[in-house]
Amino acid sequence: MYTARVILPAIAAAQPSSNDDRIALTLREARRLVAAIILTTTRTITDILRWSDWRRRHQATARHCH
């Protein structure tokens, strides 16, 4: 548990500055990605990362519209 508290913020902070087409990787999104990769056996890592990218682009679009 302690390791996750150290690693997840480091992953989120290490992201390059985001441009306007997607939001930056948040701590919550990093936690969800790690859990999905570790716990999911039916989807590939590529599918999980593709879905995360789509979700972050969708959130950026919603942020610009509001």
Protein backbone atom coordinates (compact mmCIF):
# COMPACT_ATOMS: atom_id res chain seq x y z
CA MET A 1 0.00 0.00 0.00
CA TYR A 2 2.81 2.40 0.87
CA THR A 3 4.53 1.69 -2.44
CA ALA A 4 1.40 2.67 -4.37
CA ARG A 5 1.24 5.96 -2.47
CA VAL A 6 4.74 6.75 -3.66
CA ILE A 7 4.66 5.36 -7.19
CA LEU A 8 1.29 6.66 -8.40
CA PRO A 9 1.96 10.36 -7.70
CA ALA A 10 5.39 9.93 -9.31
CA ILE A 11 3.77 8.49 -12.44
CA ALA A 12 1.26 11.34 -12.60
CA ALA A 13 3.94 13.98 -12.01
CA ALA A 14 6.32 12.52 -14.59
CA GLN A 15 3.88 13.07 -17.44
CA PRO A 16 4.98 15.62 -20.02
CA SER A 17 3.00 18.83 -20.06
CA SER A 18 -0.30 18.11 -21.73
CA ASN A 19 -1.50 19.92 -24.78
CA ASP A 20 -5.09 20.91 -25.38
CA ASP A 21 -6.21 17.66 -26.96
CA ARG A 22 -6.18 15.63 -23.69
CA ILE A 23 -5.98 16.26 -19.97
CA ALA A 24 -2.86 15.33 -18.03
CA LEU A 25 -2.69 11.93 -16.41
CA THR A 26 -4.18 12.40 -12.95
CA LEU A 27 -3.45 10.39 -9.85
CA ARG A 28 -6.89 8.77 -10.05
CA GLU A 29 -6.39 7.83 -13.72
CA ALA A 30 -2.93 6.39 -12.98
CA ARG A 31 -4.44 4.32 -10.16
CA ARG A 32 -7.21 3.07 -12.46
CA LEU A 33 -4.71 2.16 -15.19
CA VAL A 34 -2.44 0.21 -12.86
CA ALA A 35 -5.42 -1.64 -11.38
CA ALA A 36 -6.83 -2.43 -14.81
CA ILE A 37 -3.50 -3.71 -16.09
CA ILE A 38 -2.88 -5.87 -13.03
CA LEU A 39 -6.40 -7.17 -12.42
CA THR A 40 -7.81 -7.54 -15.91
CA THR A 41 -7.18 -10.71 -17.86
CA THR A 42 -9.70 -10.24 -20.67
CA ARG A 43 -8.34 -7.02 -22.20
CA THR A 44 -4.88 -6.29 -23.52
CA ILE A 45 -2.69 -3.51 -22.20
CA THR A 46 -3.04 -1.78 -25.57
CA ASP A 47 -6.83 -1.75 -25.23
CA ILE A 48 -6.61 -0.36 -21.69
CA LEU A 49 -4.20 2.42 -22.71
CA ARG A 50 -6.25 3.25 -25.81
CA TRP A 51 -9.38 3.59 -23.67
CA SER A 52 -7.53 5.84 -21.21
CA ASP A 53 -6.31 8.05 -24.06
CA TRP A 54 -9.84 8.31 -25.45
CA ARG A 55 -11.21 9.16 -22.00
CA ARG A 56 -8.62 11.91 -21.41
CA ARG A 57 -9.30 13.44 -24.85
CA HIS A 58 -13.05 13.31 -24.16
CA GLN A 59 -12.56 15.04 -20.79
CA ALA A 60 -10.44 17.76 -22.44
CA THR A 61 -13.18 18.36 -25.01
CA ALA A 62 -15.79 18.58 -22.26
CA ARG A 63 -13.60 21.01 -20.31
CA HIS A 64 -13.28 23.28 -23.36
CA CYS A 65 -17.03 23.21 -24.03
CA HIS A 66 -17.96 24.17 -20.47
